[in-house]
Amino acid sequence: MFRLFAALLLSAVLAFGASIKLYLKDGTYQLVREYQVNGDRVRFYSVERSDWEEIPVDLVDLKRTESERQAEEAVIKKDAAELAAEDKFEREQREEIERVPQEPGLYMVDGAAMKTIELAESKIVSNKGRSVLKVLSPVPVVSGKSTVELDGEHSKNVFSNPRPEFYIRLADEDRFGIVRLQPKKGARIVQNWTIVPITKEIVEDEKDVPIFRKQVDSNLYKIWPEQPLEPGEYAVVEFTEGKGNVRTWDFAYRKGR
């Protein structure tokens, strides 16, 4: 609101006039609201005396007066434009934030609408069997190799845009990004895990897709691929590095769908 008010004030200054220094050839000046050259006389409105006065044109340094007036006017216009642009950006930022639901999750830009992407059920698969991953209470892990997988070879969320735009509202300050899923019979692999002996720390490995990310608000980010996606299976993931609590939202890109 302050920037908008300031921009309006600067516009008003331009519209109704500001004080101008009418320079005389002896180096002094008169503060005037406006002036006019009429033949051999310069008529001006004195700011100090609030009245119209005249002075011989030979006494006035018109070149310096006009040069400075134009320079000051350019600065005022530039400041007004910058303030208006900042206000427009902040207004659009607020509108952007308000479009995204407050609940943590993933949302896709679908024209003017915002589409909620459902959280997929991830499973950890090891030589000990399969267990459903729970974000708040990760399953116990044993040293060795495991994979985080999604059931089925294809996602139900199929998009035709090779550069989909998402908003992700994080539950915590976690890592996040877009990954390409690795095919497996009857499943798709999200991450490969190496569980470190004794500490049980998890080293995650996934096929990251280079993305642009823009922080829109606290824990709210807009993300989209740097380059058009190749047809295939993908997911947006959020996880705490080394802890094993992965949240996955899967999707597929198909050409011409």
C-alpha atoms as a PDB file:
ATOM      1  CA  MET A   1       0.000   0.000   0.000  1.00  0.00           C
ATOM      2  CA  PHE A   2       2.859   2.405   0.793  1.00  0.00           C
ATOM      3  CA  ARG A   3       4.422   1.874  -2.627  1.00  0.00           C
ATOM      4  CA  LEU A   4       1.077   2.406  -4.330  1.00  0.00           C
ATOM      5  CA  PHE A   5       0.524   5.630  -2.384  1.00  0.00           C
ATOM      6  CA  ALA A   6       4.032   6.832  -3.234  1.00  0.00           C
ATOM      7  CA  ALA A   7       3.503   6.077  -6.917  1.00  0.00           C
ATOM      8  CA  LEU A   8       0.224   8.005  -6.899  1.00  0.00           C
ATOM      9  CA  LEU A   9       1.925  10.898  -5.112  1.00  0.00           C
ATOM     10  CA  LEU A  10       4.695  11.029  -7.719  1.00  0.00           C
ATOM     11  CA  SER A  11       2.089  10.946 -10.477  1.00  0.00           C
ATOM     12  CA  ALA A  12       0.284  13.812  -8.814  1.00  0.00           C
ATOM     13  CA  VAL A  13       3.518  15.798  -8.667  1.00  0.00           C
ATOM     14  CA  LEU A  14       3.908  15.339 -12.401  1.00  0.00           C
ATOM     15  CA  ALA A  15       0.280  16.211 -13.074  1.00  0.00           C
ATOM     16  CA  PHE A  16       0.034  19.332 -10.928  1.00  0.00           C
ATOM     17  CA  GLY A  17       3.600  20.558 -11.153  1.00  0.00           C
ATOM     18  CA  ALA A  18       6.542  20.740  -8.769  1.00  0.00           C
ATOM     19  CA  SER A  19       8.852  23.574  -7.857  1.00  0.00           C
ATOM     20  CA  ILE A  20      11.163  24.498 -10.738  1.00  0.00           C
ATOM     21  CA  LYS A  21      14.403  26.414 -10.420  1.00  0.00           C
ATOM     22  CA  LEU A  22      14.256  29.279 -12.877  1.00  0.00           C
ATOM     23  CA  TYR A  23      17.965  30.072 -13.220  1.00  0.00           C
ATOM     24  CA  LEU A  24      19.194  33.589 -13.807  1.00  0.00           C
ATOM     25  CA  LYS A  25      22.420  34.375 -15.636  1.00  0.00           C
ATOM     26  CA  ASP A  26      23.975  35.777 -12.446  1.00  0.00           C
ATOM     27  CA  GLY A  27      23.860  32.262 -10.930  1.00  0.00           C
ATOM     28  CA  THR A  28      20.848  32.791  -8.668  1.00  0.00           C
ATOM     29  CA  TYR A  29      17.414  31.273  -9.235  1.00  0.00           C
ATOM     30  CA  GLN A  30      13.737  31.738  -8.495  1.00  0.00           C
ATOM     31  CA  LEU A  31      11.583  28.843  -7.282  1.00  0.00           C
ATOM     32  CA  VAL A  32       8.603  28.794  -9.619  1.00  0.00           C
ATOM     33  CA  ARG A  33       5.660  26.501 -10.248  1.00  0.00           C
ATOM     34  CA  GLU A  34       5.690  27.204 -13.999  1.00  0.00           C
ATOM     35  CA  TYR A  35       7.013  29.715 -16.469  1.00  0.00           C
ATOM     36  CA  GLN A  36       6.310  30.976 -19.993  1.00  0.00           C
ATOM     37  CA  VAL A  37       8.476  32.825 -22.509  1.00  0.00           C
ATOM     38  CA  ASN A  38       6.491  35.690 -24.050  1.00  0.00           C
ATOM     39  CA  GLY A  39       8.645  37.611 -26.518  1.00  0.00           C
ATOM     40  CA  ASP A  40      11.339  39.405 -24.566  1.00  0.00           C
ATOM     41  CA  ARG A  41       9.772  38.595 -21.185  1.00  0.00           C
ATOM     42  CA  VAL A  42       9.600  35.456 -19.027  1.00  0.00           C
ATOM     43  CA  ARG A  43       6.379  35.190 -17.063  1.00  0.00           C
ATOM     44  CA  PHE A  44       6.493  32.868 -14.028  1.00  0.00           C
ATOM     45  CA  TYR A  45       4.468  31.933 -10.957  1.00  0.00           C
ATOM     46  CA  SER A  46       6.596  32.546  -7.866  1.00  0.00           C
ATOM     47  CA  VAL A  47       6.357  29.799  -5.218  1.00  0.00           C
ATOM     48  CA  GLU A  48       7.727  32.185  -2.586  1.00  0.00           C
ATOM     49  CA  ARG A  49       5.278  35.033  -3.279  1.00  0.00           C
ATOM     50  CA  SER A  50       2.347  32.987  -4.646  1.00  0.00           C
ATOM     51  CA  ASP A  51       1.824  35.359  -7.554  1.00  0.00           C
ATOM     52  CA  TRP A  52       2.626  35.830 -11.230  1.00  0.00           C
ATOM     53  CA  GLU A  53       5.688  37.938 -12.090  1.00  0.00           C
ATOM     54  CA  GLU A  54       7.713  38.888 -15.163  1.00  0.00           C
ATOM     55  CA  ILE A  55      11.412  39.310 -15.851  1.00  0.00           C
ATOM     56  CA  PRO A  56      13.402  40.207 -19.009  1.00  0.00           C
ATOM     57  CA  VAL A  57      14.330  37.084 -20.948  1.00  0.00           C
ATOM     58  CA  ASP A  58      17.934  38.328 -21.252  1.00  0.00           C
ATOM     59  CA  LEU A  59      18.358  37.809 -17.504  1.00  0.00           C
ATOM     60  CA  VAL A  60      17.211  34.169 -17.557  1.00  0.00           C
ATOM     61  CA  ASP A  61      19.400  31.132 -18.256  1.00  0.00           C
ATOM     62  CA  LEU A  62      16.705  29.217 -20.146  1.00  0.00           C
ATOM     63  CA  LYS A  63      19.039  26.451 -21.328  1.00  0.00           C
ATOM     64  CA  ARG A  64      20.094  25.478 -17.809  1.00  0.00           C
ATOM     65  CA  THR A  65      16.548  25.863 -16.474  1.00  0.00           C
ATOM     66  CA  GLU A  66      15.023  23.610 -19.129  1.00  0.00           C
ATOM     67  CA  SER A  67      17.814  21.025 -18.915  1.00  0.00           C
ATOM     68  CA  GLU A  68      17.427  20.647 -15.155  1.00  0.00           C
ATOM     69  CA  ARG A  69      13.632  20.603 -15.380  1.00  0.00           C
ATOM     70  CA  GLN A  70      13.696  17.759 -17.893  1.00  0.00           C
ATOM     71  CA  ALA A  71      16.239  15.805 -15.826  1.00  0.00           C
ATOM     72  CA  GLU A  72      14.154  16.105 -12.646  1.00  0.00           C
ATOM     73  CA  GLU A  73      10.995  15.133 -14.512  1.00  0.00           C
ATOM     74  CA  ALA A  74      12.732  12.034 -15.911  1.00  0.00           C
ATOM     75  CA  VAL A  75      13.822  10.994 -12.399  1.00  0.00           C
ATOM     76  CA  ILE A  76      10.274  11.434 -11.057  1.00  0.00           C
ATOM     77  CA  LYS A  77       8.816   9.371 -13.903  1.00  0.00           C
ATOM     78  CA  LYS A  78      11.430   6.647 -13.404  1.00  0.00           C
ATOM     79  CA  ASP A  79      10.767   6.471  -9.636  1.00  0.00           C
ATOM     80  CA  ALA A  80       7.007   6.324 -10.230  1.00  0.00           C
ATOM     81  CA  ALA A  81       7.410   3.499 -12.759  1.00  0.00           C
ATOM     82  CA  GLU A  82       9.669   1.499 -10.421  1.00  0.00           C
ATOM     83  CA  LEU A  83       7.281   1.900  -7.478  1.00  0.00           C
ATOM     84  CA  ALA A  84       4.319   0.879  -9.642  1.00  0.00           C
ATOM     85  CA  ALA A  85       6.229  -2.193 -10.888  1.00  0.00           C
ATOM     86  CA  GLU A  86       7.150  -3.227  -7.328  1.00  0.00           C
ATOM     87  CA  ASP A  87       3.550  -2.816  -6.195  1.00  0.00           C
ATOM     88  CA  LYS A  88       2.335  -4.886  -9.179  1.00  0.00           C
ATOM     89  CA  PHE A  89       4.858  -7.640  -8.369  1.00  0.00           C
ATOM     90  CA  GLU A  90       3.838  -7.771  -4.694  1.00  0.00           C
ATOM     91  CA  ARG A  91       0.138  -7.812  -5.614  1.00  0.00           C
ATOM     92  CA  GLU A  92       0.688 -10.685  -8.063  1.00  0.00           C
ATOM     93  CA  GLN A  93       2.777 -12.493  -5.426  1.00  0.00           C
ATOM     94  CA  ARG A  94      -0.089 -12.255  -2.909  1.00  0.00           C
ATOM     95  CA  GLU A  95      -2.578 -13.476  -5.494  1.00  0.00           C
ATOM     96  CA  GLU A  96      -0.261 -16.367  -6.369  1.00  0.00           C
ATOM     97  CA  ILE A  97       0.028 -17.415  -2.715  1.00  0.00           C
ATOM     98  CA  GLU A  98      -3.741 -17.227  -2.211  1.00  0.00           C
ATOM     99  CA  ARG A  99      -4.333 -19.596  -5.143  1.00  0.00           C
ATOM    100  CA  VAL A 100      -2.510 -22.452  -3.400  1.00  0.00           C
ATOM    101  CA  PRO A 101      -4.341 -24.369  -0.640  1.00  0.00           C
ATOM    102  CA  GLN A 102      -2.888 -24.061   2.850  1.00  0.00           C
ATOM    103  CA  GLU A 103      -2.505 -27.814   3.404  1.00  0.00           C
ATOM    104  CA  PRO A 104       0.964 -29.310   2.768  1.00  0.00           C
ATOM    105  CA  GLY A 105       0.990 -31.130  -0.559  1.00  0.00           C
ATOM    106  CA  LEU A 106       1.503 -30.834  -4.292  1.00  0.00           C
ATOM    107  CA  TYR A 107      -0.593 -28.713  -6.623  1.00  0.00           C
ATOM    108  CA  MET A 108      -0.368 -28.436 -10.394  1.00  0.00           C
ATOM    109  CA  VAL A 109      -1.115 -25.346 -12.468  1.00  0.00           C
ATOM    110  CA  ASP A 110      -3.916 -26.318 -14.864  1.00  0.00           C
ATOM    111  CA  GLY A 111      -4.747 -23.157 -16.825  1.00  0.00           C
ATOM    112  CA  ALA A 112      -6.460 -20.790 -14.396  1.00  0.00           C
ATOM    113  CA  ALA A 113      -7.183 -23.663 -11.997  1.00  0.00           C
ATOM    114  CA  MET A 114      -5.035 -25.352  -9.372  1.00  0.00           C
ATOM    115  CA  LYS A 115      -5.207 -29.160  -9.428  1.00  0.00           C
ATOM    116  CA  THR A 116      -4.436 -31.159  -6.291  1.00  0.00           C
ATOM    117  CA  ILE A 117      -2.138 -34.137  -6.882  1.00  0.00           C
ATOM    118  CA  GLU A 118      -2.847 -37.006  -4.515  1.00  0.00           C
ATOM    119  CA  LEU A 119      -0.021 -38.385  -2.384  1.00  0.00           C
ATOM    120  CA  ALA A 120       1.080 -41.823  -3.618  1.00  0.00           C
ATOM    121  CA  GLU A 121       1.660 -44.786  -1.319  1.00  0.00           C
ATOM    122  CA  SER A 122       5.375 -45.528  -1.293  1.00  0.00           C
ATOM    123  CA  LYS A 123       6.828 -48.858  -0.209  1.00  0.00           C
ATOM    124  CA  ILE A 124      10.302 -49.891   0.853  1.00  0.00           C
ATOM    125  CA  VAL A 125      11.433 -53.149  -0.709  1.00  0.00           C
ATOM    126  CA  SER A 126      14.372 -55.194   0.581  1.00  0.00           C
ATOM    127  CA  ASN A 127      15.330 -58.829   0.794  1.00  0.00           C
ATOM    128  CA  LYS A 128      13.265 -58.860   4.002  1.00  0.00           C
ATOM    129  CA  GLY A 129      10.049 -58.040   2.137  1.00  0.00           C
ATOM    130  CA  ARG A 130       7.867 -54.991   1.451  1.00  0.00           C
ATOM    131  CA  SER A 131       6.701 -52.362   3.941  1.00  0.00           C
ATOM    132  CA  VAL A 132       4.567 -49.249   3.486  1.00  0.00           C
ATOM    133  CA  LEU A 133       6.518 -46.046   4.161  1.00  0.00           C
ATOM    134  CA  LYS A 134       4.906 -43.816   6.751  1.00  0.00           C
ATOM    135  CA  VAL A 135       6.088 -40.226   6.827  1.00  0.00           C
ATOM    136  CA  LEU A 136       5.691 -39.622  10.549  1.00  0.00           C
ATOM    137  CA  SER A 137       7.012 -43.006  11.666  1.00  0.00           C
ATOM    138  CA  PRO A 138       9.346 -44.521   9.052  1.00  0.00           C
ATOM    139  CA  VAL A 139       9.567 -48.303   8.950  1.00  0.00           C
ATOM    140  CA  PRO A 140      12.562 -49.955  10.617  1.00  0.00           C
ATOM    141  CA  VAL A 141      15.433 -50.497   8.209  1.00  0.00           C
ATOM    142  CA  VAL A 142      18.298 -52.943   8.172  1.00  0.00           C
ATOM    143  CA  SER A 143      21.760 -52.481   6.768  1.00  0.00           C
ATOM    144  CA  GLY A 144      22.153 -53.128   3.077  1.00  0.00           C
ATOM    145  CA  LYS A 145      20.287 -52.159  -0.076  1.00  0.00           C
ATOM    146  CA  SER A 146      16.619 -51.259  -0.426  1.00  0.00           C
ATOM    147  CA  THR A 147      14.401 -49.479  -2.943  1.00  0.00           C
ATOM    148  CA  VAL A 148      11.499 -47.091  -2.528  1.00  0.00           C
ATOM    149  CA  GLU A 149       8.804 -48.134  -4.986  1.00  0.00           C
ATOM    150  CA  LEU A 150       5.312 -47.371  -6.208  1.00  0.00           C
ATOM    151  CA  ASP A 151       2.983 -50.168  -7.225  1.00  0.00           C
ATOM    152  CA  GLY A 152       2.098 -50.381 -10.927  1.00  0.00           C
ATOM    153  CA  GLU A 153       4.150 -49.569 -13.989  1.00  0.00           C
ATOM    154  CA  HIS A 154       2.219 -46.446 -14.954  1.00  0.00           C
ATOM    155  CA  SER A 155       0.838 -43.416 -13.122  1.00  0.00           C
ATOM    156  CA  LYS A 156      -2.837 -42.496 -13.263  1.00  0.00           C
ATOM    157  CA  ASN A 157      -1.811 -38.829 -13.446  1.00  0.00           C
ATOM    158  CA  VAL A 158      -0.949 -38.372 -17.118  1.00  0.00           C
ATOM    159  CA  PHE A 159       0.015 -34.930 -18.469  1.00  0.00           C
ATOM    160  CA  SER A 160       0.649 -33.718 -22.012  1.00  0.00           C
ATOM    161  CA  ASN A 161       2.633 -30.627 -21.024  1.00  0.00           C
ATOM    162  CA  PRO A 162       6.382 -31.409 -21.237  1.00  0.00           C
ATOM    163  CA  ARG A 163       7.135 -28.667 -18.701  1.00  0.00           C
ATOM    164  CA  PRO A 164       4.435 -28.966 -16.016  1.00  0.00           C
ATOM    165  CA  GLU A 165       4.397 -26.334 -13.284  1.00  0.00           C
ATOM    166  CA  PHE A 166       3.843 -27.374  -9.685  1.00  0.00           C
ATOM    167  CA  TYR A 167       3.462 -25.706  -6.319  1.00  0.00           C
ATOM    168  CA  ILE A 168       4.721 -27.716  -3.377  1.00  0.00           C
ATOM    169  CA  ARG A 169       3.797 -26.682   0.143  1.00  0.00           C
ATOM    170  CA  LEU A 170       6.244 -28.454   2.446  1.00  0.00           C
ATOM    171  CA  ALA A 171       5.340 -30.029   5.754  1.00  0.00           C
ATOM    172  CA  ASP A 172       8.902 -29.370   6.978  1.00  0.00           C
ATOM    173  CA  GLU A 173      12.143 -27.861   5.691  1.00  0.00           C
ATOM    174  CA  ASP A 174      12.940 -30.927   3.591  1.00  0.00           C
ATOM    175  CA  ARG A 175      14.651 -31.675   0.301  1.00  0.00           C
ATOM    176  CA  PHE A 176      12.365 -31.795  -2.690  1.00  0.00           C
ATOM    177  CA  GLY A 177      12.481 -32.037  -6.453  1.00  0.00           C
ATOM    178  CA  ILE A 178      11.350 -33.927  -9.543  1.00  0.00           C
ATOM    179  CA  VAL A 179      12.754 -37.386 -10.216  1.00  0.00           C
ATOM    180  CA  ARG A 180      12.442 -39.780 -13.131  1.00  0.00           C
ATOM    181  CA  LEU A 181      11.142 -43.144 -11.971  1.00  0.00           C
ATOM    182  CA  GLN A 182      13.033 -46.295 -12.881  1.00  0.00           C
ATOM    183  CA  PRO A 183      10.913 -49.038 -14.474  1.00  0.00           C
ATOM    184  CA  LYS A 184      10.527 -52.410 -12.798  1.00  0.00           C
ATOM    185  CA  LYS A 185       8.110 -55.240 -13.475  1.00  0.00           C
ATOM    186  CA  GLY A 186       4.891 -54.313 -11.753  1.00  0.00           C
ATOM    187  CA  ALA A 187       6.376 -51.241 -10.062  1.00  0.00           C
ATOM    188  CA  ARG A 188       8.333 -47.986 -10.416  1.00  0.00           C
ATOM    189  CA  ILE A 189      11.445 -47.228  -8.378  1.00  0.00           C
ATOM    190  CA  VAL A 190      11.575 -43.788  -6.752  1.00  0.00           C
ATOM    191  CA  GLN A 191      14.857 -44.077  -4.857  1.00  0.00           C
ATOM    192  CA  ASN A 192      17.613 -46.607  -4.231  1.00  0.00           C
ATOM    193  CA  TRP A 193      18.706 -46.743  -0.605  1.00  0.00           C
ATOM    194  CA  THR A 194      21.978 -47.770   0.959  1.00  0.00           C
ATOM    195  CA  ILE A 195      21.497 -48.205   4.717  1.00  0.00           C
ATOM    196  CA  VAL A 196      24.726 -47.580   6.626  1.00  0.00           C
ATOM    197  CA  PRO A 197      25.546 -50.228   9.277  1.00  0.00           C
ATOM    198  CA  ILE A 198      25.343 -49.224  12.974  1.00  0.00           C
ATOM    199  CA  THR A 199      24.081 -45.651  12.371  1.00  0.00           C
ATOM    200  CA  LYS A 200      21.246 -46.842  10.080  1.00  0.00           C
ATOM    201  CA  GLU A 201      21.667 -43.602   8.148  1.00  0.00           C
ATOM    202  CA  ILE A 202      20.156 -43.811   4.682  1.00  0.00           C
ATOM    203  CA  VAL A 203      22.004 -42.685   1.556  1.00  0.00           C
ATOM    204  CA  GLU A 204      19.397 -41.906  -1.092  1.00  0.00           C
ATOM    205  CA  ASP A 205      20.007 -42.159  -4.819  1.00  0.00           C
ATOM    206  CA  GLU A 206      17.478 -41.072  -7.437  1.00  0.00           C
ATOM    207  CA  LYS A 207      17.391 -39.812 -11.020  1.00  0.00           C
ATOM    208  CA  ASP A 208      16.991 -36.089 -10.400  1.00  0.00           C
ATOM    209  CA  VAL A 209      15.455 -33.864 -13.074  1.00  0.00           C
ATOM    210  CA  PRO A 210      17.057 -30.379 -13.231  1.00  0.00           C
ATOM    211  CA  ILE A 211      14.417 -27.887 -12.172  1.00  0.00           C
ATOM    212  CA  PHE A 212      13.810 -24.214 -11.612  1.00  0.00           C
ATOM    213  CA  ARG A 213      12.485 -23.363  -8.177  1.00  0.00           C
ATOM    214  CA  LYS A 214      11.023 -20.131  -6.848  1.00  0.00           C
ATOM    215  CA  GLN A 215      10.162 -19.589  -3.208  1.00  0.00           C
ATOM    216  CA  VAL A 216       6.746 -17.950  -3.110  1.00  0.00           C
ATOM    217  CA  ASP A 217       6.096 -18.006   0.636  1.00  0.00           C
ATOM    218  CA  SER A 218       7.313 -19.733   3.765  1.00  0.00           C
ATOM    219  CA  ASN A 219       7.559 -23.450   2.866  1.00  0.00           C
ATOM    220  CA  LEU A 220       5.810 -22.793  -0.477  1.00  0.00           C
ATOM    221  CA  TYR A 221       7.732 -23.220  -3.717  1.00  0.00           C
ATOM    222  CA  LYS A 222       6.945 -23.198  -7.410  1.00  0.00           C
ATOM    223  CA  ILE A 223       8.929 -25.772  -9.403  1.00  0.00           C
ATOM    224  CA  TRP A 224       9.136 -26.715 -13.069  1.00  0.00           C
ATOM    225  CA  PRO A 225      11.637 -28.597 -15.292  1.00  0.00           C
ATOM    226  CA  GLU A 226      14.516 -26.653 -16.813  1.00  0.00           C
ATOM    227  CA  GLN A 227      14.063 -28.578 -20.074  1.00  0.00           C
ATOM    228  CA  PRO A 228      11.051 -30.319 -21.648  1.00  0.00           C
ATOM    229  CA  LEU A 229      10.570 -33.785 -20.181  1.00  0.00           C
ATOM    230  CA  GLU A 230      11.107 -36.939 -22.178  1.00  0.00           C
ATOM    231  CA  PRO A 231       8.039 -39.208 -22.263  1.00  0.00           C
ATOM    232  CA  GLY A 232       8.044 -41.402 -19.190  1.00  0.00           C
ATOM    233  CA  GLU A 233       7.201 -41.828 -15.517  1.00  0.00           C
ATOM    234  CA  TYR A 234       8.091 -39.149 -12.982  1.00  0.00           C
ATOM    235  CA  ALA A 235       7.383 -38.005  -9.448  1.00  0.00           C
ATOM    236  CA  VAL A 236       7.750 -34.983  -7.229  1.00  0.00           C
ATOM    237  CA  VAL A 237       9.411 -36.096  -3.992  1.00  0.00           C
ATOM    238  CA  GLU A 238       9.908 -34.538  -0.586  1.00  0.00           C
ATOM    239  CA  PHE A 239      12.186 -36.214   1.939  1.00  0.00           C
ATOM    240  CA  THR A 240      14.427 -35.606   4.933  1.00  0.00           C
ATOM    241  CA  GLU A 241      17.900 -36.554   3.796  1.00  0.00           C
ATOM    242  CA  GLY A 242      19.230 -39.650   5.553  1.00  0.00           C
ATOM    243  CA  LYS A 243      16.014 -40.349   7.466  1.00  0.00           C
ATOM    244  CA  GLY A 244      13.859 -42.352   5.032  1.00  0.00           C
ATOM    245  CA  ASN A 245      10.584 -40.428   5.298  1.00  0.00           C
ATOM    246  CA  VAL A 246       9.721 -39.961   1.617  1.00  0.00           C
ATOM    247  CA  ARG A 247       6.567 -38.316   0.306  1.00  0.00           C
ATOM    248  CA  THR A 248       5.853 -39.033  -3.359  1.00  0.00           C
ATOM    249  CA  TRP A 249       3.439 -37.583  -5.909  1.00  0.00           C
ATOM    250  CA  ASP A 250       3.665 -39.529  -9.162  1.00  0.00           C
ATOM    251  CA  PHE A 251       2.807 -38.474 -12.712  1.00  0.00           C
ATOM    252  CA  ALA A 252       3.568 -39.423 -16.307  1.00  0.00           C
ATOM    253  CA  TYR A 253       4.288 -37.331 -19.374  1.00  0.00           C
ATOM    254  CA  ARG A 254       2.890 -38.592 -22.675  1.00  0.00           C
ATOM    255  CA  LYS A 255       3.188 -36.776 -26.002  1.00  0.00           C
ATOM    256  CA  GLY A 256      -0.001 -35.712 -27.743  1.00  0.00           C
ATOM    257  CA  ARG A 257      -2.352 -36.927 -25.070  1.00  0.00           C
END
